[in-house]
Protein backbone atom coordinates (compact mmCIF):
# COMPACT_ATOMS: atom_id res chain seq x y z
CA MET A 1 71.24 67.47 16.86
CA SER A 2 71.72 70.99 15.81
CA GLN A 3 74.54 71.70 13.41
CA ILE A 4 77.45 73.75 14.83
CA SER A 5 78.80 76.46 12.55
CA ILE A 6 82.52 76.67 11.81
CA PRO A 7 82.99 80.12 13.45
CA SER A 8 81.28 78.86 16.60
CA LEU A 9 83.51 75.80 16.68
CA LEU A 10 86.66 77.91 16.31
CA SER A 11 85.47 80.17 19.10
CA HIS A 12 85.02 77.20 21.45
CA LEU A 13 88.41 75.79 20.58
CA LEU A 14 90.05 79.19 21.14
CA ARG A 15 88.40 79.58 24.56
CA TYR A 16 89.61 76.11 25.49
CA ALA A 17 93.14 76.87 24.37
CA LEU A 18 93.24 80.15 26.28
CA SER A 19 92.06 78.54 29.47
CA LEU A 20 95.03 76.19 29.51
CA THR A 21 98.15 76.61 31.63
CA CYS A 22 101.28 77.92 29.86
CA SER A 23 103.77 75.10 29.34
CA HIS A 24 106.76 77.47 29.65
CA SER A 25 105.96 79.49 32.74
CA ARG A 26 103.25 77.24 34.29
CA ARG A 27 101.03 80.30 34.57
CA HIS A 28 97.29 80.09 34.02
CA ILE A 29 96.03 82.12 31.09
CA VAL A 30 92.54 83.49 31.63
CA ALA A 31 90.35 83.36 28.55
CA ALA A 32 88.84 86.57 27.28
CA PRO A 33 85.05 86.81 27.33
CA GLN A 34 84.92 87.71 23.66
CA GLY A 35 87.14 84.80 22.71
CA ASN A 36 89.98 86.91 21.22
CA THR A 37 93.70 86.28 21.60
CA THR A 38 94.64 89.50 23.36
CA ASN A 39 95.38 87.82 26.70
CA LEU A 40 97.58 85.24 24.98
CA TYR A 41 99.63 87.91 23.22
CA ASN A 42 99.88 89.96 26.41
CA HIS A 43 101.13 86.91 28.29
CA LEU A 44 103.76 86.23 25.63
CA LYS A 45 104.80 89.88 25.58
CA ARG A 46 105.32 89.97 29.37
CA HIS A 47 106.88 86.59 29.97
CA HIS A 48 108.12 85.18 26.68
CA LYS A 49 109.77 87.82 24.51
CA ILE A 50 111.18 85.44 21.93
CA GLN A 51 107.90 83.59 21.41
CA TYR A 52 106.13 86.94 21.18
CA GLU A 53 108.52 88.08 18.48
CA LEU A 54 107.96 84.89 16.51
CA ALA A 55 104.19 85.18 16.87
CA MET A 56 104.16 88.77 15.75
CA ARG A 57 106.44 87.95 12.83
CA ASP A 58 104.08 85.20 11.69
CA LYS A 59 101.20 87.59 12.11
CA GLY A 60 102.97 90.11 9.86
CA ALA A 61 103.21 92.87 12.49
CA THR A 62 106.10 94.43 14.37
CA PRO A 63 105.81 95.06 18.11
CA LYS A 64 106.22 98.63 19.23
CA TYR A 65 109.13 98.02 21.52
CA ALA A 66 110.89 95.91 18.84
CA SER A 67 110.83 98.83 16.39
CA ARG A 68 112.32 101.03 19.06
CA LEU A 69 115.11 98.54 19.69
CA THR A 70 116.00 98.20 16.00
CA THR A 71 116.16 101.97 15.45
CA GLN A 72 117.84 102.91 18.69
CA THR A 73 121.08 104.83 18.10
CA SER A 74 124.26 104.48 20.06
CA ILE A 75 125.59 107.13 22.43
CA THR A 76 128.33 108.04 19.94
CA GLN A 77 125.81 108.51 17.13
CA THR A 78 123.56 110.53 19.38
CA LEU A 79 126.37 112.88 20.38
CA HIS A 80 127.63 113.06 16.79
CA GLY A 81 124.24 114.20 15.52
CA ALA A 82 123.63 116.65 18.31
CA SER A 83 123.09 120.38 17.93
CA PRO A 84 125.46 122.32 15.63
CA TYR A 85 128.63 123.93 16.93
CA PRO A 86 128.19 127.52 18.08
CA LEU A 87 129.84 129.97 15.69
CA SER A 88 132.08 131.14 18.54
CA SER A 89 133.31 127.62 19.39
CA GLN A 90 136.94 126.75 18.73
CA ARG A 91 135.99 123.65 16.74
CA HIS A 92 133.88 125.70 14.31
CA LYS A 93 136.68 128.26 13.91
CA ASP A 94 139.31 125.58 13.27
CA ILE A 95 137.30 123.90 10.51
CA THR A 96 136.45 127.24 8.88
CA ASN A 97 140.10 128.32 8.95
CA ALA A 98 141.15 124.98 7.45
CA ILE A 99 138.70 125.40 4.56
CA ALA A 100 139.90 128.97 3.96
CA TYR A 101 143.52 127.76 3.92
CA HIS A 102 142.58 125.05 1.42
CA LEU A 103 140.96 127.62 -0.88
CA ALA A 104 143.97 129.94 -0.71
CA LYS A 105 146.84 127.43 -0.73
CA ASP A 106 145.48 125.23 -3.52
CA MET A 107 143.99 128.19 -5.44
CA ILE A 108 140.50 126.66 -5.40
CA PRO A 109 137.53 128.79 -6.58
CA ILE A 110 135.59 130.22 -3.67
CA ASN A 111 132.28 128.97 -5.06
CA THR A 112 133.52 125.44 -4.31
CA VAL A 113 131.91 125.81 -0.87
CA THR A 114 128.51 126.05 -2.56
CA SER A 115 128.81 122.77 -4.48
CA ASP A 116 126.76 119.80 -3.34
CA GLY A 117 129.73 117.45 -3.30
CA PHE A 118 131.77 119.70 -1.01
CA LYS A 119 128.82 120.17 1.34
CA ALA A 120 128.24 116.41 1.48
CA MET A 121 131.90 115.80 2.29
CA ILE A 122 131.88 118.34 5.13
CA LYS A 123 128.62 116.94 6.50
CA THR A 124 130.07 113.43 6.46
CA ILE A 125 133.24 114.53 8.25
CA ASP A 126 131.40 116.41 10.98
CA LYS A 127 127.61 116.67 11.09
CA ARG A 128 127.71 119.32 13.78
CA TYR A 129 129.61 121.79 11.59
CA SER A 130 127.54 124.34 9.67
CA LEU A 131 129.32 125.45 6.51
CA PRO A 132 129.36 129.26 6.13
CA SER A 133 128.29 130.94 2.92
CA ARG A 134 130.49 131.86 -0.01
CA ASN A 135 130.31 135.55 0.93
CA TYR A 136 131.67 134.78 4.38
CA PHE A 137 134.79 133.17 2.94
CA SER A 138 135.34 135.96 0.40
CA SER A 139 134.72 138.87 2.79
CA VAL A 140 135.80 137.53 6.19
CA ALA A 141 137.72 134.23 6.26
CA LEU A 142 140.15 134.86 3.38
CA PRO A 143 140.88 138.50 4.35
CA ASN A 144 141.62 137.30 7.89
CA LEU A 145 143.97 134.68 6.50
CA TYR A 146 145.71 137.34 4.40
CA THR A 147 146.13 139.53 7.48
CA GLN A 148 147.74 136.67 9.40
CA CYS A 149 150.08 135.92 6.50
CA ARG A 150 151.00 139.59 6.15
CA VAL A 151 151.86 139.83 9.85
CA THR A 152 154.16 136.81 9.49
CA VAL A 153 155.92 138.32 6.46
CA GLU A 154 156.31 141.67 8.21
CA LYS A 155 158.08 139.93 11.09
CA ASP A 156 160.50 138.37 8.60
CA LEU A 157 161.19 141.79 7.07
CA GLN A 158 161.88 143.51 10.38
CA ASP A 159 165.43 142.14 10.66
CA MET A 160 166.16 142.69 6.95
CA GLN A 161 168.89 145.29 6.41
CA ASN A 162 169.26 145.19 2.63
CA PHE A 163 167.28 143.51 -0.08
CA ALA A 164 166.98 142.99 -3.81
CA ALA A 165 163.69 143.14 -5.71
CA THR A 166 162.23 141.55 -8.81
CA VAL A 167 159.22 142.95 -10.64
CA ASP A 168 157.08 141.46 -13.36
CA LEU A 169 154.03 142.60 -15.29
CA TRP A 170 151.68 139.93 -16.50
CA SER A 171 148.08 139.33 -17.57
CA SER A 172 145.58 136.80 -16.29
CA ARG A 173 143.57 134.47 -18.51
CA THR A 174 140.89 137.14 -18.67
CA MET A 175 143.57 139.67 -19.78
CA GLU A 176 143.52 141.64 -16.53
CA PRO A 177 146.90 143.31 -15.83
CA TYR A 178 148.79 142.65 -12.59
CA LEU A 179 152.04 143.88 -11.07
CA SER A 180 154.06 141.48 -8.90
CA LEU A 181 156.76 142.51 -6.43
CA THR A 182 159.14 140.05 -4.78
CA VAL A 183 162.00 140.80 -2.37
CA HIS A 184 165.09 138.64 -1.78
CA PHE A 185 167.31 138.96 1.27
CA ILE A 186 169.79 137.11 3.47
CA THR A 187 169.06 136.58 7.16
CA SER A 188 171.52 137.10 10.02
CA ASP A 189 172.35 133.36 9.97
CA PHE A 190 173.08 133.58 6.22
CA ASN A 191 169.92 131.91 4.90
CA MET A 192 168.49 133.11 1.61
CA LYS A 193 164.80 134.01 1.64
CA SER A 194 162.33 135.30 -0.91
CA ARG A 195 158.94 136.81 -0.18
CA CYS A 196 156.35 137.73 -2.78
CA LEU A 197 154.91 140.87 -1.21
CA GLN A 198 152.05 141.46 -3.57
CA THR A 199 150.40 140.74 -6.89
CA ALA A 200 148.30 143.83 -7.31
CA PHE A 201 145.73 144.71 -9.93
CA PHE A 202 147.30 147.40 -12.13
CA PRO A 203 144.63 148.90 -14.42
CA ALA A 204 146.62 152.05 -15.23
CA ASP A 205 148.46 152.47 -18.52
CA HIS A 206 151.78 150.64 -18.45
CA THR A 207 153.87 153.71 -19.06
CA GLY A 208 157.20 154.32 -17.40
CA GLU A 209 155.74 157.09 -15.22
CA GLU A 210 152.81 154.96 -14.02
CA LEU A 211 155.07 152.00 -13.27
CA ALA A 212 157.55 154.17 -11.38
CA GLN A 213 154.78 155.53 -9.16
CA GLY A 214 153.21 152.11 -8.67
CA LEU A 215 156.52 150.57 -7.58
CA LYS A 216 157.14 153.36 -5.07
CA GLU A 217 153.70 152.82 -3.58
CA SER A 218 154.33 149.09 -3.34
CA LEU A 219 157.51 149.60 -1.33
CA ASN A 220 155.87 152.21 0.91
CA SER A 221 152.94 149.88 1.68
CA TRP A 222 155.44 147.48 3.26
CA CYS A 223 157.50 150.24 4.94
CA LEU A 224 160.55 149.41 2.83
CA GLU A 225 163.05 152.19 2.19
CA GLU A 226 164.44 152.65 -1.29
CA LYS A 227 167.96 153.25 0.00
CA ASN A 228 168.09 149.68 1.33
CA MET A 229 167.34 148.17 -2.08
CA VAL A 230 170.66 147.18 -3.60
CA CYS A 231 169.32 146.25 -7.04
CA PHE A 232 166.17 145.94 -9.08
CA THR A 233 165.84 143.03 -11.54
CA THR A 234 163.43 143.22 -14.49
CA ASP A 235 163.15 142.20 -18.10
CA SER A 236 164.21 144.48 -20.95
CA GLY A 237 160.84 146.13 -21.55
CA ALA A 238 161.19 149.83 -22.41
CA ASN A 239 158.52 150.88 -19.91
CA ILE A 240 160.06 149.09 -16.92
CA VAL A 241 163.54 150.29 -17.88
CA LYS A 242 162.26 153.86 -17.90
CA ALA A 243 160.52 153.34 -14.53
CA ALA A 244 163.79 152.23 -12.94
CA SER A 245 165.52 155.27 -14.45
CA LEU A 246 162.89 157.67 -13.11
CA ASN A 247 163.18 156.21 -9.62
CA LYS A 248 166.99 156.18 -9.90
CA TRP A 249 167.16 152.52 -8.96
CA THR A 250 170.05 150.23 -9.88
CA ARG A 251 168.59 147.85 -12.45
CA LEU A 252 169.87 144.41 -13.38
CA GLN A 253 168.67 142.59 -16.48
CA CYS A 254 166.91 139.28 -15.94
CA PHE A 255 169.35 136.53 -16.92
CA GLY A 256 166.58 134.10 -17.83
CA HIS A 257 164.97 136.64 -20.11
CA ARG A 258 168.28 137.44 -21.80
CA LEU A 259 168.99 133.74 -22.23
CA HIS A 260 165.58 133.27 -23.84
CA LEU A 261 166.25 136.08 -26.31
CA ALA A 262 169.70 134.70 -27.11
CA ILE A 263 168.36 131.21 -27.83
CA GLU A 264 165.52 132.61 -29.94
CA ASN A 265 168.00 134.61 -32.05
CA ALA A 266 170.36 131.65 -32.42
CA MET A 267 167.59 129.37 -33.67
CA LYS A 268 166.43 131.60 -36.50
CA ASP A 269 167.08 129.14 -39.30
CA SER A 270 164.76 127.84 -41.99
CA ARG A 271 165.66 124.20 -41.30
CA ILE A 272 164.95 124.63 -37.60
CA ASP A 273 161.70 126.42 -38.36
CA ARG A 274 160.56 123.53 -40.53
CA ALA A 275 161.49 120.83 -37.99
CA VAL A 276 159.95 122.69 -35.03
CA GLY A 277 156.86 123.53 -37.07
CA LEU A 278 156.47 119.84 -37.92
CA CYS A 279 156.67 118.98 -34.23
CA LYS A 280 153.87 121.45 -33.44
CA LYS A 281 151.68 119.97 -36.19
CA LEU A 282 152.28 116.45 -34.88
CA VAL A 283 151.37 117.47 -31.34
CA ALA A 284 148.17 119.09 -32.62
CA CYS A 285 147.43 116.04 -34.77
CA PHE A 286 147.51 113.69 -31.77
CA SER A 287 146.01 116.14 -29.27
CA HIS A 288 142.87 116.74 -31.35
CA SER A 289 142.16 113.10 -32.17
CA TRP A 290 141.26 110.58 -29.50
CA LYS A 291 141.65 107.75 -32.01
CA ARG A 292 145.29 108.65 -32.75
CA ARG A 293 146.05 109.05 -29.06
CA ARG A 294 144.60 105.60 -28.43
CA GLU A 295 146.64 104.09 -31.25
CA LEU A 296 149.75 105.85 -29.95
CA ALA A 297 149.25 104.24 -26.53
CA VAL A 298 148.92 100.82 -28.17
CA ALA A 299 152.08 101.39 -30.21
CA GLN A 300 153.98 102.47 -27.11
CA LYS A 301 153.13 99.19 -25.39
CA GLU A 302 154.06 97.11 -28.43
CA LEU A 303 157.41 98.91 -28.83
CA ASN A 304 158.16 99.04 -25.07
CA LEU A 305 158.31 102.82 -25.05
CA PRO A 306 157.41 105.07 -22.11
CA GLU A 307 153.70 105.79 -22.12
CA HIS A 308 154.10 109.56 -22.31
CA GLN A 309 151.91 112.16 -23.97
CA LEU A 310 153.41 114.56 -26.49
CA LYS A 311 154.34 118.05 -25.28
CA THR A 312 153.75 121.36 -26.99
CA GLU A 313 155.75 124.59 -27.01
CA CYS A 314 155.06 127.79 -25.08
CA PRO A 315 156.32 130.79 -27.11
CA THR A 316 157.63 132.62 -24.02
CA ARG A 317 159.48 129.60 -22.55
CA TRP A 318 162.41 128.35 -24.58
CA GLY A 319 162.70 125.33 -22.31
CA SER A 320 159.32 124.12 -23.54
CA ARG A 321 160.74 123.84 -27.06
CA GLN A 322 163.51 121.59 -25.85
CA ALA A 323 160.99 119.49 -23.92
CA MET A 324 158.77 119.18 -26.99
CA VAL A 325 161.68 118.10 -29.22
CA GLN A 326 163.00 115.64 -26.64
CA ARG A 327 159.60 113.98 -26.26
CA MET A 328 159.17 113.83 -30.04
CA LEU A 329 162.51 112.00 -30.41
CA GLU A 330 161.58 109.66 -27.58
CA GLN A 331 158.28 108.66 -29.24
CA GLN A 332 159.53 108.83 -32.84
CA THR A 333 159.09 105.11 -33.55
CA ALA A 334 155.56 104.98 -32.14
CA ILE A 335 154.55 108.15 -34.01
CA VAL A 336 155.77 106.78 -37.35
CA HIS A 337 153.97 103.50 -36.65
CA VAL A 338 150.64 105.29 -36.12
CA LEU A 339 151.04 107.67 -39.08
CA SER A 340 151.92 104.85 -41.48
CA SER A 341 148.36 103.53 -41.29
CA ASP A 342 146.65 106.94 -41.35
CA ARG A 343 146.23 108.33 -44.86
CA LYS A 344 145.06 111.74 -43.63
CA ALA A 345 148.12 112.34 -41.44
CA ARG A 346 150.73 110.32 -43.30
CA HIS A 347 152.22 113.47 -44.81
CA LEU A 348 153.30 114.55 -41.29
CA THR A 349 155.78 111.69 -41.00
CA PRO A 350 159.17 113.32 -40.22
CA THR A 351 161.96 112.78 -42.75
CA TRP A 352 165.49 111.80 -41.82
CA GLN A 353 166.54 115.42 -42.36
CA ASP A 354 163.92 116.58 -39.83
CA ILE A 355 165.07 113.96 -37.32
CA GLU A 356 168.67 115.04 -37.77
CA VAL A 357 167.80 118.69 -37.12
CA LEU A 358 165.73 117.77 -34.05
CA GLU A 359 168.59 115.73 -32.63
CA VAL A 360 170.95 118.69 -33.03
CA ILE A 361 168.43 121.00 -31.32
CA ASN A 362 168.01 118.59 -28.43
CA LYS A 363 171.75 118.07 -28.03
CA THR A 364 172.32 121.84 -27.98
CA LEU A 365 169.51 122.87 -25.66
CA THR A 366 169.69 120.03 -23.10
CA PRO A 367 172.81 121.34 -21.29
CA LEU A 368 171.31 124.85 -21.33
CA ALA A 369 168.16 123.48 -19.71
CA ASP A 370 170.26 121.82 -17.00
CA PHE A 371 172.18 125.06 -16.55
CA THR A 372 168.94 127.04 -16.18
CA ASP A 373 167.61 124.58 -13.60
CA ALA A 374 170.79 124.94 -11.56
CA LEU A 375 170.72 128.71 -11.85
CA SER A 376 167.06 128.92 -10.84
CA GLY A 377 167.54 127.32 -7.43
CA GLU A 378 166.43 129.80 -4.77
CA GLN A 379 168.54 128.29 -1.96
CA TYR A 380 171.82 127.89 -3.85
CA VAL A 381 174.74 129.94 -2.64
CA LYS A 382 177.50 130.82 -5.09
CA ARG A 383 179.80 127.93 -4.25
CA ASN A 384 177.00 125.37 -4.48
CA LEU A 385 175.92 126.82 -7.84
CA LEU A 386 179.42 126.55 -9.28
CA ASP A 387 179.66 122.93 -8.17
CA ARG A 388 176.39 122.20 -9.94
CA LEU A 389 177.54 123.93 -13.12
CA ARG A 390 180.81 121.97 -13.17
CA ALA A 391 178.73 118.80 -13.06
CA ILE A 392 177.40 119.62 -16.55
CA PRO A 393 180.38 118.78 -18.81
CA ALA A 394 178.41 119.28 -22.02
CA LEU A 395 178.12 122.97 -21.21
CA TRP A 396 181.88 123.50 -21.41
CA THR A 397 182.62 121.39 -24.51
């Protein structure tokens, strides 16, 4: 008897299996002449999807139609990832205008639109929207937004009969000079309104003659007549005072500026200078050391103090001095606790004389700060302002 090889035996068994009738569908499966399993897989694919999937999974392959089913997208996803919006579509215009408003209102750098994070956010929100370039926002979108805003302000100024103006000269962080012009007026229904008309780059020398000409041009650019301006409020700078004199405008001194000068003159005392100087050194000591700031936070929790950071003083804002002193007195216990274990900064521990001077400063300036806040309200009429001032008893004692 001749010996049968293993491959030959498997081939016979496979032919026998393929010639059997399917137990599920009772259909006869015709064996392939070559003895392969193609007919069996085709039968399963046509009549038994689940068994076919299991067989293909065991075989380590994925059927073609199964891959299509697993990757098929929904109708919503298909529409969401369709072609981009046309540039003339209303949806594209609305999103572009919203981005331009965000840049202008929140004073965001224009190059934000070129950052990867911003692009990813916009693409996630709406895949069909194509973000314009930075140049488009700087040369088209933002100028269009300015034009719309200017038209709105011009409509507000049409019914204005008389107005007052405030002017200020200031420098940016890059030391570029600017001239700001703001008008204040009362509407026919007796509502107070203020409109900042412009903050224009002013590269000319800040002489009285140049300022006088620049202010005239600013009013003319908004079609405002000088005869309707009842007063002109500025600080006490010699150049702006001369400009008002050359234009023959009625000038009022800025009350806040005068109050700042008065407080600065009243606080010229060696004891105050020492106490305030100590406060500045303490603020710098904690601001420049992360370790001390961390220890201050721990001390605040242990002593049940508000977890506030120390404040510093701005030389041109007297209110910032009061805020710095008030915060220093609030955190006095925590500050002393941290400095007691720090040999390098222990000499900054305030003495009882310093604390006494700081308490006097805070007690004196606090009612003035409340008075300034009440006076700075843009919508307060005279009667409302007087009621607010009467509510500050410390101011009259």
